Amino acid sequence: MNVDATITREDSILLQADPERVFNVLVDLHSYNEWWPRSIRFRFDVPGPARVGTRMRIVNERLVRWVAEVTALEANRRITFRYAEGAWRGTAGWTLKPEPGGVRVSYSIDIRPVPFWLRMLSRFLDLGAMHSKRMQGVLQRLKARLSRD
């Protein structure tokens, strides 16, 4: 049981692609609705590619909502977010590391639930494991997205 309710996870996949190609997909936040699971939806206040300060409103299963803001971009290496409003507070982000055979793409979170009901739920359910299971699907969808190009 997670007493403090903090969720710290990192999920990754080795992709047979170069970092620039993967980064271009990840920085195109507006395309997330095309390749993320339909249970997670993204909305944006401004068009265009991600830049520091870009905010996205995220809804998971119509019940859990939060706002993520891009806090750092390092071309072909990382995108960092701050979960700033709503259900979660903390940090998250993509990292890309070249490896033999491709690039290791990871998504990490260090977040805590804000609503009382979500904090209580975290005492009985392993939300970190649930997040990792979901992210493994996201990473497979990213792989499929890259194979279409």
N, C-alpha and C. Protein backbone atom coordinates (compact mmCIF):
# COMPACT_ATOMS: atom_id res chain seq x y z
N MET A 1 0.85 -1.19 0.00
CA MET A 1 0.00 0.00 0.00
C MET A 1 0.89 1.24 0.00
N ASN A 2 0.58 2.19 -0.85
CA ASN A 2 1.34 3.44 -1.00
C ASN A 2 0.78 4.48 -0.03
N VAL A 3 1.46 4.67 1.11
CA VAL A 3 0.94 5.54 2.16
C VAL A 3 0.94 7.01 1.75
N ASP A 4 2.00 7.49 1.11
CA ASP A 4 2.04 8.92 0.75
C ASP A 4 1.39 9.19 -0.61
N ALA A 5 0.99 8.16 -1.33
CA ALA A 5 0.26 8.25 -2.59
C ALA A 5 1.11 8.75 -3.76
N THR A 6 2.39 9.00 -3.57
CA THR A 6 3.25 9.42 -4.68
C THR A 6 3.47 8.25 -5.64
N ILE A 7 3.40 8.56 -6.92
CA ILE A 7 3.63 7.55 -7.95
C ILE A 7 4.89 7.94 -8.71
N THR A 8 5.87 7.06 -8.66
CA THR A 8 7.13 7.27 -9.38
C THR A 8 7.35 6.04 -10.25
N ARG A 9 7.35 6.25 -11.55
CA ARG A 9 7.50 5.15 -12.51
C ARG A 9 8.31 5.61 -13.72
N GLU A 10 8.92 4.64 -14.38
CA GLU A 10 9.54 4.88 -15.68
C GLU A 10 9.28 3.67 -16.55
N ASP A 11 8.73 3.93 -17.72
CA ASP A 11 8.42 2.87 -18.68
C ASP A 11 9.13 3.19 -19.98
N SER A 12 9.68 2.15 -20.62
CA SER A 12 10.46 2.43 -21.82
C SER A 12 10.32 1.33 -22.86
N ILE A 13 10.80 1.66 -24.05
CA ILE A 13 10.81 0.74 -25.18
C ILE A 13 12.02 1.09 -26.05
N LEU A 14 12.62 0.08 -26.65
CA LEU A 14 13.68 0.30 -27.63
C LEU A 14 13.04 0.31 -29.01
N LEU A 15 13.18 1.42 -29.70
CA LEU A 15 12.59 1.57 -31.03
C LEU A 15 13.68 1.59 -32.08
N GLN A 16 13.42 0.97 -33.22
CA GLN A 16 14.36 0.98 -34.33
C GLN A 16 14.09 2.22 -35.17
N ALA A 17 14.54 3.35 -34.65
CA ALA A 17 14.36 4.65 -35.31
C ALA A 17 15.42 5.59 -34.78
N ASP A 18 15.66 6.67 -35.49
CA ASP A 18 16.64 7.62 -34.97
C ASP A 18 15.93 8.61 -34.03
N PRO A 19 16.69 9.18 -33.10
CA PRO A 19 16.10 10.07 -32.09
C PRO A 19 15.34 11.25 -32.69
N GLU A 20 15.82 11.81 -33.79
CA GLU A 20 15.16 12.97 -34.38
C GLU A 20 13.74 12.62 -34.85
N ARG A 21 13.62 11.48 -35.48
CA ARG A 21 12.30 11.05 -35.97
C ARG A 21 11.34 10.82 -34.81
N VAL A 22 11.80 10.16 -33.76
CA VAL A 22 10.95 9.90 -32.59
C VAL A 22 10.60 11.21 -31.90
N PHE A 23 11.58 12.08 -31.73
CA PHE A 23 11.35 13.36 -31.07
C PHE A 23 10.29 14.18 -31.82
N ASN A 24 10.37 14.17 -33.15
CA ASN A 24 9.39 14.92 -33.94
C ASN A 24 7.96 14.44 -33.70
N VAL A 25 7.77 13.15 -33.50
CA VAL A 25 6.44 12.63 -33.18
C VAL A 25 6.05 13.06 -31.76
N LEU A 26 6.96 12.93 -30.82
CA LEU A 26 6.64 13.25 -29.42
C LEU A 26 6.39 14.74 -29.20
N VAL A 27 7.09 15.59 -29.93
CA VAL A 27 6.91 17.04 -29.76
C VAL A 27 5.64 17.53 -30.45
N ASP A 28 5.07 16.72 -31.33
CA ASP A 28 3.82 17.06 -31.99
C ASP A 28 2.66 16.65 -31.08
N LEU A 29 2.49 17.40 -30.00
CA LEU A 29 1.48 17.07 -28.99
C LEU A 29 0.09 16.95 -29.59
N HIS A 30 -0.20 17.75 -30.61
CA HIS A 30 -1.52 17.72 -31.24
C HIS A 30 -1.83 16.37 -31.88
N SER A 31 -0.81 15.58 -32.19
CA SER A 31 -1.05 14.27 -32.80
C SER A 31 -1.34 13.19 -31.76
N TYR A 32 -1.19 13.49 -30.48
CA TYR A 32 -1.40 12.47 -29.45
C TYR A 32 -2.79 11.84 -29.54
N ASN A 33 -3.80 12.62 -29.85
CA ASN A 33 -5.15 12.06 -29.96
C ASN A 33 -5.25 11.01 -31.05
N GLU A 34 -4.31 11.01 -32.00
CA GLU A 34 -4.32 10.04 -33.09
C GLU A 34 -3.74 8.70 -32.67
N TRP A 35 -2.75 8.70 -31.77
CA TRP A 35 -2.08 7.43 -31.47
C TRP A 35 -2.12 7.01 -30.00
N TRP A 36 -2.62 7.85 -29.12
CA TRP A 36 -2.83 7.42 -27.73
C TRP A 36 -4.16 6.67 -27.66
N PRO A 37 -4.38 5.87 -26.63
CA PRO A 37 -5.68 5.20 -26.49
C PRO A 37 -6.82 6.22 -26.44
N ARG A 38 -7.95 5.85 -26.98
CA ARG A 38 -9.10 6.76 -27.04
C ARG A 38 -9.64 7.13 -25.67
N SER A 39 -9.29 6.39 -24.63
CA SER A 39 -9.75 6.72 -23.28
C SER A 39 -9.03 7.94 -22.71
N ILE A 40 -7.95 8.36 -23.36
CA ILE A 40 -7.19 9.54 -22.94
C ILE A 40 -7.28 10.57 -24.07
N ARG A 41 -7.77 11.75 -23.76
CA ARG A 41 -7.96 12.80 -24.76
C ARG A 41 -7.17 14.03 -24.35
N PHE A 42 -6.64 14.72 -25.35
CA PHE A 42 -5.83 15.92 -25.17
C PHE A 42 -6.50 17.10 -25.85
N ARG A 43 -6.48 18.26 -25.19
CA ARG A 43 -6.96 19.52 -25.78
C ARG A 43 -5.89 20.58 -25.55
N PHE A 44 -5.85 21.54 -26.50
CA PHE A 44 -4.82 22.57 -26.45
C PHE A 44 -5.43 23.94 -26.62
N ASP A 45 -4.82 24.92 -25.98
CA ASP A 45 -5.28 26.30 -26.09
C ASP A 45 -4.70 26.99 -27.32
N VAL A 46 -3.54 26.53 -27.77
CA VAL A 46 -2.87 27.16 -28.91
C VAL A 46 -2.42 26.08 -29.91
N PRO A 47 -2.43 26.41 -31.20
CA PRO A 47 -1.97 25.45 -32.21
C PRO A 47 -0.45 25.42 -32.28
N GLY A 48 0.05 24.50 -33.05
CA GLY A 48 1.48 24.46 -33.33
C GLY A 48 2.23 23.46 -32.49
N PRO A 49 3.51 23.30 -32.80
CA PRO A 49 4.33 22.32 -32.08
C PRO A 49 4.56 22.75 -30.62
N ALA A 50 4.93 21.80 -29.81
CA ALA A 50 5.20 22.08 -28.40
C ALA A 50 6.36 23.06 -28.26
N ARG A 51 6.22 23.91 -27.29
CA ARG A 51 7.31 24.79 -26.88
C ARG A 51 7.15 24.98 -25.38
N VAL A 52 8.18 25.48 -24.74
CA VAL A 52 8.09 25.72 -23.30
C VAL A 52 6.89 26.63 -23.05
N GLY A 53 6.06 26.22 -22.12
CA GLY A 53 4.85 26.97 -21.80
C GLY A 53 3.59 26.41 -22.43
N THR A 54 3.72 25.53 -23.44
CA THR A 54 2.54 24.90 -24.04
C THR A 54 1.81 24.11 -22.96
N ARG A 55 0.49 24.31 -22.92
CA ARG A 55 -0.34 23.59 -21.94
C ARG A 55 -1.31 22.68 -22.66
N MET A 56 -1.47 21.50 -22.11
CA MET A 56 -2.46 20.57 -22.64
C MET A 56 -3.37 20.11 -21.52
N ARG A 57 -4.64 20.07 -21.86
CA ARG A 57 -5.66 19.58 -20.93
C ARG A 57 -5.90 18.11 -21.26
N ILE A 58 -5.79 17.27 -20.25
CA ILE A 58 -5.86 15.83 -20.46
C ILE A 58 -7.04 15.26 -19.67
N VAL A 59 -7.79 14.39 -20.32
CA VAL A 59 -8.91 13.71 -19.68
C VAL A 59 -8.70 12.21 -19.83
N ASN A 60 -8.76 11.49 -18.73
CA ASN A 60 -8.61 10.04 -18.73
C ASN A 60 -9.93 9.42 -18.29
N GLU A 61 -10.56 8.68 -19.20
CA GLU A 61 -11.83 8.00 -18.91
C GLU A 61 -12.93 8.94 -18.44
N ARG A 62 -12.93 10.17 -18.88
CA ARG A 62 -13.93 11.18 -18.56
C ARG A 62 -13.97 11.56 -17.08
N LEU A 63 -13.19 10.93 -16.25
CA LEU A 63 -13.28 11.13 -14.81
C LEU A 63 -12.09 11.88 -14.24
N VAL A 64 -10.91 11.57 -14.71
CA VAL A 64 -9.69 12.16 -14.18
C VAL A 64 -9.18 13.20 -15.18
N ARG A 65 -9.06 14.44 -14.71
CA ARG A 65 -8.65 15.55 -15.57
C ARG A 65 -7.47 16.27 -14.94
N TRP A 66 -6.53 16.69 -15.81
CA TRP A 66 -5.42 17.50 -15.34
C TRP A 66 -4.84 18.31 -16.48
N VAL A 67 -3.98 19.25 -16.11
CA VAL A 67 -3.30 20.11 -17.07
C VAL A 67 -1.80 19.85 -16.95
N ALA A 68 -1.16 19.60 -18.09
CA ALA A 68 0.29 19.44 -18.14
C ALA A 68 0.87 20.59 -18.95
N GLU A 69 1.95 21.14 -18.45
CA GLU A 69 2.63 22.25 -19.10
C GLU A 69 4.05 21.84 -19.46
N VAL A 70 4.46 22.12 -20.70
CA VAL A 70 5.83 21.83 -21.11
C VAL A 70 6.77 22.78 -20.37
N THR A 71 7.73 22.22 -19.66
CA THR A 71 8.69 23.05 -18.91
C THR A 71 10.08 23.04 -19.50
N ALA A 72 10.39 22.02 -20.32
CA ALA A 72 11.71 21.97 -20.95
C ALA A 72 11.64 21.13 -22.21
N LEU A 73 12.39 21.56 -23.21
CA LEU A 73 12.55 20.82 -24.46
C LEU A 73 14.03 20.80 -24.79
N GLU A 74 14.54 19.63 -25.05
CA GLU A 74 15.92 19.50 -25.50
C GLU A 74 15.87 18.62 -26.75
N ALA A 75 16.08 19.23 -27.89
CA ALA A 75 15.89 18.56 -29.18
C ALA A 75 16.51 17.17 -29.20
N ASN A 76 15.68 16.20 -29.60
CA ASN A 76 16.08 14.81 -29.78
C ASN A 76 16.52 14.11 -28.50
N ARG A 77 16.25 14.74 -27.33
CA ARG A 77 16.68 14.15 -26.06
C ARG A 77 15.59 14.07 -25.00
N ARG A 78 14.80 15.17 -24.83
CA ARG A 78 13.79 15.11 -23.78
C ARG A 78 12.73 16.19 -23.92
N ILE A 79 11.56 15.88 -23.34
CA ILE A 79 10.45 16.82 -23.19
C ILE A 79 9.99 16.64 -21.75
N THR A 80 9.95 17.72 -21.00
CA THR A 80 9.56 17.65 -19.59
C THR A 80 8.26 18.41 -19.38
N PHE A 81 7.40 17.83 -18.56
CA PHE A 81 6.10 18.42 -18.24
C PHE A 81 5.97 18.64 -16.74
N ARG A 82 5.17 19.62 -16.39
CA ARG A 82 4.74 19.81 -15.01
C ARG A 82 3.24 19.59 -14.99
N TYR A 83 2.80 18.66 -14.16
CA TYR A 83 1.36 18.47 -13.98
C TYR A 83 0.93 19.55 -13.00
N ALA A 84 0.25 20.56 -13.53
CA ALA A 84 0.08 21.83 -12.83
C ALA A 84 -1.29 22.04 -12.20
N GLU A 85 -2.31 21.42 -12.75
CA GLU A 85 -3.68 21.63 -12.26
C GLU A 85 -4.44 20.32 -12.36
N GLY A 86 -5.49 20.21 -11.59
CA GLY A 86 -6.37 19.07 -11.71
C GLY A 86 -5.98 17.91 -10.81
N ALA A 87 -6.16 16.70 -11.31
CA ALA A 87 -6.04 15.48 -10.51
C ALA A 87 -4.63 15.17 -10.03
N TRP A 88 -3.61 15.63 -10.74
CA TRP A 88 -2.23 15.26 -10.42
C TRP A 88 -1.34 16.49 -10.27
N ARG A 89 -0.33 16.38 -9.41
CA ARG A 89 0.72 17.39 -9.31
C ARG A 89 2.06 16.65 -9.37
N GLY A 90 3.01 17.26 -10.04
CA GLY A 90 4.34 16.66 -10.11
C GLY A 90 4.95 16.87 -11.48
N THR A 91 5.88 15.99 -11.80
CA THR A 91 6.60 16.11 -13.06
C THR A 91 6.50 14.81 -13.85
N ALA A 92 6.68 14.95 -15.15
CA ALA A 92 6.66 13.81 -16.06
C ALA A 92 7.49 14.17 -17.27
N GLY A 93 7.79 13.20 -18.09
CA GLY A 93 8.50 13.55 -19.31
C GLY A 93 9.00 12.37 -20.11
N TRP A 94 9.28 12.70 -21.36
CA TRP A 94 9.87 11.76 -22.31
C TRP A 94 11.38 11.96 -22.32
N THR A 95 12.13 10.87 -22.38
CA THR A 95 13.57 10.94 -22.63
C THR A 95 13.91 9.97 -23.75
N LEU A 96 14.89 10.37 -24.56
CA LEU A 96 15.36 9.56 -25.67
C LEU A 96 16.85 9.35 -25.51
N LYS A 97 17.28 8.08 -25.57
CA LYS A 97 18.70 7.76 -25.44
C LYS A 97 19.09 6.80 -26.56
N PRO A 98 20.03 7.22 -27.41
CA PRO A 98 20.49 6.32 -28.46
C PRO A 98 21.11 5.06 -27.86
N GLU A 99 20.80 3.92 -28.45
CA GLU A 99 21.37 2.63 -28.06
C GLU A 99 21.65 1.85 -29.33
N PRO A 100 22.50 0.83 -29.23
CA PRO A 100 22.68 -0.01 -30.42
C PRO A 100 21.33 -0.55 -30.88
N GLY A 101 21.04 -0.38 -32.14
CA GLY A 101 19.79 -0.86 -32.69
C GLY A 101 18.66 0.14 -32.68
N GLY A 102 18.91 1.35 -32.16
CA GLY A 102 17.84 2.34 -32.17
C GLY A 102 17.93 3.37 -31.08
N VAL A 103 16.77 3.68 -30.51
CA VAL A 103 16.70 4.68 -29.46
C VAL A 103 15.79 4.17 -28.36
N ARG A 104 16.24 4.29 -27.12
CA ARG A 104 15.41 3.93 -25.97
C ARG A 104 14.54 5.14 -25.63
N VAL A 105 13.22 4.95 -25.68
CA VAL A 105 12.26 6.00 -25.38
C VAL A 105 11.62 5.66 -24.04
N SER A 106 11.67 6.60 -23.10
CA SER A 106 11.11 6.38 -21.77
C SER A 106 10.14 7.50 -21.42
N TYR A 107 9.11 7.13 -20.67
CA TYR A 107 8.20 8.11 -20.09
C TYR A 107 8.25 7.90 -18.59
N SER A 108 8.58 8.95 -17.87
CA SER A 108 8.68 8.84 -16.41
C SER A 108 7.72 9.81 -15.76
N ILE A 109 7.24 9.42 -14.58
CA ILE A 109 6.38 10.28 -13.78
C ILE A 109 6.85 10.28 -12.34
N ASP A 110 6.66 11.41 -11.70
CA ASP A 110 6.84 11.55 -10.26
C ASP A 110 5.70 12.48 -9.83
N ILE A 111 4.55 11.88 -9.55
CA ILE A 111 3.33 12.64 -9.34
C ILE A 111 2.61 12.16 -8.08
N ARG A 112 1.69 12.99 -7.63
CA ARG A 112 0.82 12.61 -6.51
C ARG A 112 -0.61 13.03 -6.85
N PRO A 113 -1.58 12.23 -6.40
CA PRO A 113 -2.97 12.59 -6.65
C PRO A 113 -3.40 13.73 -5.74
N VAL A 114 -4.27 14.59 -6.26
CA VAL A 114 -4.77 15.73 -5.49
C VAL A 114 -6.14 15.47 -4.88
N PRO A 115 -7.12 15.01 -5.65
CA PRO A 115 -8.45 14.83 -5.05
C PRO A 115 -8.43 13.76 -3.95
N PHE A 116 -9.21 14.00 -2.94
CA PHE A 116 -9.28 13.08 -1.81
C PHE A 116 -9.61 11.67 -2.28
N TRP A 117 -10.59 11.53 -3.18
CA TRP A 117 -11.02 10.21 -3.60
C TRP A 117 -9.91 9.45 -4.32
N LEU A 118 -9.05 10.18 -5.06
CA LEU A 118 -7.95 9.54 -5.77
C LEU A 118 -6.84 9.14 -4.80
N ARG A 119 -6.60 9.98 -3.79
CA ARG A 119 -5.62 9.62 -2.74
C ARG A 119 -6.08 8.36 -2.00
N MET A 120 -7.37 8.29 -1.69
CA MET A 120 -7.90 7.12 -1.00
C MET A 120 -7.81 5.88 -1.88
N LEU A 121 -8.12 6.02 -3.14
CA LEU A 121 -8.03 4.91 -4.08
C LEU A 121 -6.60 4.37 -4.15
N SER A 122 -5.63 5.28 -4.06
CA SER A 122 -4.23 4.86 -4.14
C SER A 122 -3.81 4.01 -2.95
N ARG A 123 -4.59 4.02 -1.89
CA ARG A 123 -4.29 3.17 -0.73
C ARG A 123 -4.67 1.72 -0.99
N PHE A 124 -5.57 1.50 -1.95
CA PHE A 124 -6.07 0.16 -2.20
C PHE A 124 -5.68 -0.41 -3.55
N LEU A 125 -5.38 0.47 -4.49
CA LEU A 125 -4.98 0.05 -5.83
C LEU A 125 -3.57 0.53 -6.11
N ASP A 126 -2.80 -0.26 -6.83
CA ASP A 126 -1.45 0.15 -7.22
C ASP A 126 -1.56 1.00 -8.49
N LEU A 127 -1.77 2.31 -8.28
CA LEU A 127 -1.94 3.22 -9.42
C LEU A 127 -0.68 3.28 -10.27
N GLY A 128 0.48 3.09 -9.67
CA GLY A 128 1.72 3.07 -10.44
C GLY A 128 1.76 1.90 -11.41
N ALA A 129 1.36 0.73 -10.94
CA ALA A 129 1.32 -0.45 -11.82
C ALA A 129 0.27 -0.25 -12.92
N MET A 130 -0.86 0.36 -12.56
CA MET A 130 -1.89 0.63 -13.56
C MET A 130 -1.37 1.61 -14.61
N HIS A 131 -0.62 2.63 -14.16
CA HIS A 131 -0.05 3.59 -15.10
C HIS A 131 0.94 2.89 -16.03
N SER A 132 1.81 2.05 -15.48
CA SER A 132 2.80 1.36 -16.31
C SER A 132 2.13 0.45 -17.34
N LYS A 133 1.08 -0.23 -16.94
CA LYS A 133 0.37 -1.08 -17.89
C LYS A 133 -0.18 -0.24 -19.04
N ARG A 134 -0.77 0.90 -18.71
CA ARG A 134 -1.31 1.80 -19.73
C ARG A 134 -0.17 2.33 -20.61
N MET A 135 0.95 2.72 -20.01
CA MET A 135 2.06 3.28 -20.78
C MET A 135 2.69 2.25 -21.71
N GLN A 136 2.69 0.98 -21.33
CA GLN A 136 3.21 -0.04 -22.24
C GLN A 136 2.38 -0.06 -23.53
N GLY A 137 1.08 0.12 -23.39
CA GLY A 137 0.22 0.23 -24.57
C GLY A 137 0.52 1.48 -25.37
N VAL A 138 0.75 2.60 -24.68
CA VAL A 138 1.10 3.85 -25.36
C VAL A 138 2.40 3.69 -26.13
N LEU A 139 3.38 3.06 -25.52
CA LEU A 139 4.67 2.87 -26.18
C LEU A 139 4.53 1.98 -27.42
N GLN A 140 3.68 0.97 -27.35
CA GLN A 140 3.43 0.13 -28.52
C GLN A 140 2.72 0.92 -29.61
N ARG A 141 1.83 1.82 -29.22
CA ARG A 141 1.14 2.68 -30.20
C ARG A 141 2.13 3.65 -30.84
N LEU A 142 3.09 4.14 -30.06
CA LEU A 142 4.15 5.00 -30.60
C LEU A 142 4.95 4.22 -31.64
N LYS A 143 5.29 3.00 -31.32
CA LYS A 143 6.03 2.14 -32.27
C LYS A 143 5.24 1.98 -33.56
N ALA A 144 3.95 1.70 -33.44
CA ALA A 144 3.09 1.54 -34.63
C ALA A 144 3.00 2.85 -35.41
N ARG A 145 2.91 3.96 -34.70
CA ARG A 145 2.84 5.28 -35.35
C ARG A 145 4.09 5.54 -36.18
N LEU A 146 5.25 5.20 -35.62
CA LEU A 146 6.52 5.40 -36.33
C LEU A 146 6.64 4.47 -37.55
N SER A 147 6.06 3.30 -37.45
CA SER A 147 6.16 2.36 -38.57
C SER A 147 5.30 2.78 -39.76
N ARG A 148 4.32 3.66 -39.53
CA ARG A 148 3.46 4.13 -40.63
C ARG A 148 4.16 5.18 -41.49
N ASP A 149 5.12 5.88 -40.94
CA ASP A 149 5.81 6.95 -41.68
C ASP A 149 6.80 6.41 -42.68
